[in-house]
Amino acid sequence: MAAQAEDLLPVEYFHVVFTLPAGISRIAHWNKQAVYGLLFRASAYTFRPSAAMV
């Protein structure tokens, strides 16, 4: 990790990636608005406590 830390830029933000299981991914292909709406609400709910500490 120390070797990789040397390659990081000195910025104060985080990049988070969510992956979906294949079954949900197939549903998202046909109903993007519903699935992505749920994903954004769930991620906001998850990160709200962390964001409040910053």
C-alpha atoms as a PDB file:
ATOM      1  CA  MET A   1       0.000   0.000   0.000  1.00  0.00           C
ATOM      2  CA  ALA A   2       2.835   2.390   0.742  1.00  0.00           C
ATOM      3  CA  ALA A   3       4.155   2.061  -2.816  1.00  0.00           C
ATOM      4  CA  GLN A   4       0.701   2.779  -4.235  1.00  0.00           C
ATOM      5  CA  ALA A   5       0.218   5.735  -1.875  1.00  0.00           C
ATOM      6  CA  GLU A   6       3.136   7.463  -3.579  1.00  0.00           C
ATOM      7  CA  ASP A   7       1.140   7.471  -6.835  1.00  0.00           C
ATOM      8  CA  LEU A   8      -1.913   9.171  -5.340  1.00  0.00           C
ATOM      9  CA  LEU A   9      -2.670  12.807  -5.997  1.00  0.00           C
ATOM     10  CA  PRO A  10      -2.946  15.092  -2.960  1.00  0.00           C
ATOM     11  CA  VAL A  11      -6.694  15.740  -3.268  1.00  0.00           C
ATOM     12  CA  GLU A  12      -9.448  15.709  -0.661  1.00  0.00           C
ATOM     13  CA  TYR A  13     -12.154  13.674  -2.339  1.00  0.00           C
ATOM     14  CA  PHE A  14     -13.128  10.055  -2.673  1.00  0.00           C
ATOM     15  CA  HIS A  15     -14.183   8.079  -5.709  1.00  0.00           C
ATOM     16  CA  VAL A  16     -16.529   5.238  -4.883  1.00  0.00           C
ATOM     17  CA  VAL A  17     -17.696   2.594  -7.347  1.00  0.00           C
ATOM     18  CA  PHE A  18     -20.714   0.391  -6.818  1.00  0.00           C
ATOM     19  CA  THR A  19     -21.077  -2.797  -8.793  1.00  0.00           C
ATOM     20  CA  LEU A  20     -24.325  -4.637  -9.264  1.00  0.00           C
ATOM     21  CA  PRO A  21     -24.833  -8.388  -9.416  1.00  0.00           C
ATOM     22  CA  ALA A  22     -25.583  -9.683 -12.901  1.00  0.00           C
ATOM     23  CA  GLY A  23     -29.257 -10.271 -12.121  1.00  0.00           C
ATOM     24  CA  ILE A  24     -29.818  -6.685 -11.004  1.00  0.00           C
ATOM     25  CA  SER A  25     -27.708  -5.412 -13.876  1.00  0.00           C
ATOM     26  CA  ARG A  26     -30.076  -7.101 -16.333  1.00  0.00           C
ATOM     27  CA  ILE A  27     -33.070  -5.479 -14.641  1.00  0.00           C
ATOM     28  CA  ALA A  28     -31.300  -2.102 -14.717  1.00  0.00           C
ATOM     29  CA  HIS A  29     -30.846  -2.452 -18.458  1.00  0.00           C
ATOM     30  CA  TRP A  30     -34.628  -2.502 -18.909  1.00  0.00           C
ATOM     31  CA  ASN A  31     -35.661  -0.207 -16.064  1.00  0.00           C
ATOM     32  CA  LYS A  32     -32.818   2.250 -15.530  1.00  0.00           C
ATOM     33  CA  GLN A  33     -34.848   4.930 -13.774  1.00  0.00           C
ATOM     34  CA  ALA A  34     -36.114   2.604 -11.031  1.00  0.00           C
ATOM     35  CA  VAL A  35     -32.843   0.755 -10.388  1.00  0.00           C
ATOM     36  CA  TYR A  36     -30.588   3.816 -10.477  1.00  0.00           C
ATOM     37  CA  GLY A  37     -33.061   5.746  -8.332  1.00  0.00           C
ATOM     38  CA  LEU A  38     -32.864   3.004  -5.703  1.00  0.00           C
ATOM     39  CA  LEU A  39     -29.077   2.847  -6.006  1.00  0.00           C
ATOM     40  CA  PHE A  40     -28.667   6.611  -5.509  1.00  0.00           C
ATOM     41  CA  ARG A  41     -31.044   6.661  -2.526  1.00  0.00           C
ATOM     42  CA  ALA A  42     -29.261   3.706  -0.919  1.00  0.00           C
ATOM     43  CA  SER A  43     -25.813   5.203  -1.482  1.00  0.00           C
ATOM     44  CA  ALA A  44     -26.923   8.599  -0.111  1.00  0.00           C
ATOM     45  CA  TYR A  45     -28.325   6.877   2.967  1.00  0.00           C
ATOM     46  CA  THR A  46     -25.074   4.939   3.404  1.00  0.00           C
ATOM     47  CA  PHE A  47     -22.716   7.889   3.028  1.00  0.00           C
ATOM     48  CA  ARG A  48     -24.728  10.550   4.848  1.00  0.00           C
ATOM     49  CA  PRO A  49     -23.165   9.807   8.291  1.00  0.00           C
ATOM     50  CA  SER A  50     -19.641   9.897   6.815  1.00  0.00           C
ATOM     51  CA  ALA A  51     -20.306  13.124   4.946  1.00  0.00           C
ATOM     52  CA  ALA A  52     -21.590  14.767   8.143  1.00  0.00           C
ATOM     53  CA  MET A  53     -18.205  14.186   9.806  1.00  0.00           C
ATOM     54  CA  VAL A  54     -16.255  16.040   7.114  1.00  0.00           C
END
